[in-house]
């Protein structure tokens, strides 16, 4: 996790790209989320996060997640990792 701040998926701004770090909740919820293809370590883009469900994208696939579920998915910014990688290339 390297000093990254973990943010619940439901609090991430629209248009941001984040990486799923952990999924909290019971076994049934974790299994349900995993069956949808949402696993730790994958990157997702927040399409809509205003009122109602949170809409995310993984590639060309869109998912609508309720507020309760989105609060149990912890994320870190994957954009910062790209920026750090680009800075290393410039040196």
C-alpha atoms as a PDB file:
ATOM      1  CA  UNK A   1       0.000   0.000   0.000  1.00  0.00           C
ATOM      2  CA  UNK A   2       3.047   2.272   0.338  1.00  0.00           C
ATOM      3  CA  UNK A   3       1.618   5.217   2.324  1.00  0.00           C
ATOM      4  CA  UNK A   4      -1.352   5.521  -0.035  1.00  0.00           C
ATOM      5  CA  UNK A   5      -4.592   6.785   1.424  1.00  0.00           C
ATOM      6  CA  UNK A   6      -7.382   4.248   1.004  1.00  0.00           C
ATOM      7  CA  UNK A   7     -10.699   5.705  -0.079  1.00  0.00           C
ATOM      8  CA  UNK A   8     -14.043   3.895  -0.337  1.00  0.00           C
ATOM      9  CA  UNK A   9     -15.196   3.608  -3.950  1.00  0.00           C
ATOM     10  CA  UNK A  10     -18.308   5.670  -3.174  1.00  0.00           C
ATOM     11  CA  UNK A  11     -16.163   8.709  -2.291  1.00  0.00           C
ATOM     12  CA  UNK A  12     -14.015   8.800  -5.443  1.00  0.00           C
ATOM     13  CA  UNK A  13     -14.670  11.666  -7.886  1.00  0.00           C
ATOM     14  CA  UNK A  14     -16.095  11.057 -11.331  1.00  0.00           C
ATOM     15  CA  UNK A  15     -13.498  10.510 -14.041  1.00  0.00           C
ATOM     16  CA  UNK A  16     -10.837   9.176 -11.657  1.00  0.00           C
ATOM     17  CA  UNK A  17      -9.030   5.899 -12.198  1.00  0.00           C
ATOM     18  CA  UNK A  18      -8.480   3.858  -9.033  1.00  0.00           C
ATOM     19  CA  UNK A  19      -7.197   0.419  -8.068  1.00  0.00           C
ATOM     20  CA  UNK A  20      -9.235  -1.865  -5.813  1.00  0.00           C
ATOM     21  CA  UNK A  21      -7.121  -2.641  -2.747  1.00  0.00           C
ATOM     22  CA  UNK A  22      -9.519  -4.514  -0.476  1.00  0.00           C
ATOM     23  CA  UNK A  23     -13.130  -5.580  -0.176  1.00  0.00           C
ATOM     24  CA  UNK A  24     -14.682  -5.722   3.268  1.00  0.00           C
ATOM     25  CA  UNK A  25     -17.892  -7.438   4.231  1.00  0.00           C
ATOM     26  CA  UNK A  26     -19.158 -10.940   4.691  1.00  0.00           C
ATOM     27  CA  UNK A  27     -18.336 -13.976   2.607  1.00  0.00           C
ATOM     28  CA  UNK A  28     -21.510 -13.731   0.527  1.00  0.00           C
ATOM     29  CA  UNK A  29     -20.883 -10.092  -0.363  1.00  0.00           C
ATOM     30  CA  UNK A  30     -17.233 -10.720  -1.215  1.00  0.00           C
ATOM     31  CA  UNK A  31     -18.196 -13.675  -3.413  1.00  0.00           C
ATOM     32  CA  UNK A  32     -20.876 -11.643  -5.168  1.00  0.00           C
ATOM     33  CA  UNK A  33     -18.449  -8.806  -5.889  1.00  0.00           C
ATOM     34  CA  UNK A  34     -15.773 -11.262  -7.086  1.00  0.00           C
ATOM     35  CA  UNK A  35     -18.274 -12.965  -9.409  1.00  0.00           C
ATOM     36  CA  UNK A  36     -18.892  -9.575 -11.032  1.00  0.00           C
ATOM     37  CA  UNK A  37     -15.178  -9.415 -11.832  1.00  0.00           C
ATOM     38  CA  UNK A  38     -14.337  -6.815  -9.194  1.00  0.00           C
ATOM     39  CA  UNK A  39     -11.189  -8.158  -7.581  1.00  0.00           C
ATOM     40  CA  UNK A  40      -8.342  -6.696  -5.588  1.00  0.00           C
ATOM     41  CA  UNK A  41      -5.644  -5.274  -7.836  1.00  0.00           C
ATOM     42  CA  UNK A  42      -7.796  -4.283 -10.831  1.00  0.00           C
ATOM     43  CA  UNK A  43      -8.204  -0.711 -12.054  1.00  0.00           C
ATOM     44  CA  UNK A  44     -11.638   0.862 -12.441  1.00  0.00           C
ATOM     45  CA  UNK A  45     -12.803   4.244 -13.727  1.00  0.00           C
ATOM     46  CA  UNK A  46     -15.577   6.133 -11.956  1.00  0.00           C
ATOM     47  CA  UNK A  47     -18.186   7.087 -14.570  1.00  0.00           C
ATOM     48  CA  UNK A  48     -20.924   8.500 -12.314  1.00  0.00           C
ATOM     49  CA  UNK A  49     -20.869   9.234  -8.618  1.00  0.00           C
ATOM     50  CA  UNK A  50     -23.488  11.817  -7.763  1.00  0.00           C
ATOM     51  CA  UNK A  51     -26.934  10.561  -6.760  1.00  0.00           C
ATOM     52  CA  UNK A  52     -28.063   6.970  -6.829  1.00  0.00           C
ATOM     53  CA  UNK A  53     -25.743   4.110  -7.670  1.00  0.00           C
ATOM     54  CA  UNK A  54     -22.043   4.498  -8.415  1.00  0.00           C
ATOM     55  CA  UNK A  55     -21.351   3.598 -12.040  1.00  0.00           C
ATOM     56  CA  UNK A  56     -17.872   2.251 -12.778  1.00  0.00           C
ATOM     57  CA  UNK A  57     -16.115   0.930 -15.865  1.00  0.00           C
ATOM     58  CA  UNK A  58     -13.692  -1.932 -16.302  1.00  0.00           C
ATOM     59  CA  UNK A  59     -12.624  -1.753 -19.917  1.00  0.00           C
ATOM     60  CA  UNK A  60     -15.827  -1.550 -21.987  1.00  0.00           C
ATOM     61  CA  UNK A  61     -18.002  -3.059 -19.230  1.00  0.00           C
ATOM     62  CA  UNK A  62     -20.100  -0.842 -16.955  1.00  0.00           C
ATOM     63  CA  UNK A  63     -21.350  -1.748 -13.467  1.00  0.00           C
ATOM     64  CA  UNK A  64     -23.836   0.017 -11.197  1.00  0.00           C
ATOM     65  CA  UNK A  65     -23.103  -0.464  -7.492  1.00  0.00           C
ATOM     66  CA  UNK A  66     -25.303   0.625  -4.618  1.00  0.00           C
ATOM     67  CA  UNK A  67     -23.921   3.038  -2.035  1.00  0.00           C
ATOM     68  CA  UNK A  68     -23.628   0.326   0.630  1.00  0.00           C
ATOM     69  CA  UNK A  69     -21.542  -1.966  -1.544  1.00  0.00           C
ATOM     70  CA  UNK A  70     -19.397   0.865  -2.901  1.00  0.00           C
ATOM     71  CA  UNK A  71     -18.560   1.888   0.677  1.00  0.00           C
ATOM     72  CA  UNK A  72     -17.077  -1.572   1.318  1.00  0.00           C
ATOM     73  CA  UNK A  73     -14.651  -1.447  -1.615  1.00  0.00           C
ATOM     74  CA  UNK A  74     -11.437   0.365  -0.646  1.00  0.00           C
ATOM     75  CA  UNK A  75      -9.345   1.917  -3.388  1.00  0.00           C
ATOM     76  CA  UNK A  76      -6.124   3.790  -3.982  1.00  0.00           C
ATOM     77  CA  UNK A  77      -5.339   6.181  -6.796  1.00  0.00           C
ATOM     78  CA  UNK A  78      -3.741   4.401  -9.728  1.00  0.00           C
ATOM     79  CA  UNK A  79      -3.156   7.723 -11.490  1.00  0.00           C
ATOM     80  CA  UNK A  80      -0.438   8.618  -8.975  1.00  0.00           C
ATOM     81  CA  UNK A  81       1.356   5.380  -9.764  1.00  0.00           C
ATOM     82  CA  UNK A  82       1.349   6.304 -13.460  1.00  0.00           C
ATOM     83  CA  UNK A  83       2.679   9.785 -12.626  1.00  0.00           C
ATOM     84  CA  UNK A  84       5.472   8.317 -10.461  1.00  0.00           C
ATOM     85  CA  UNK A  85       6.372   5.874 -13.242  1.00  0.00           C
ATOM     86  CA  UNK A  86       6.558   8.703 -15.799  1.00  0.00           C
ATOM     87  CA  UNK A  87       8.744  10.794 -13.469  1.00  0.00           C
ATOM     88  CA  UNK A  88      11.183   7.899 -13.139  1.00  0.00           C
ATOM     89  CA  UNK A  89      11.419   7.659 -16.936  1.00  0.00           C
ATOM     90  CA  UNK A  90      12.250  11.349 -17.248  1.00  0.00           C
ATOM     91  CA  UNK A  91      15.228  11.089 -14.862  1.00  0.00           C
END
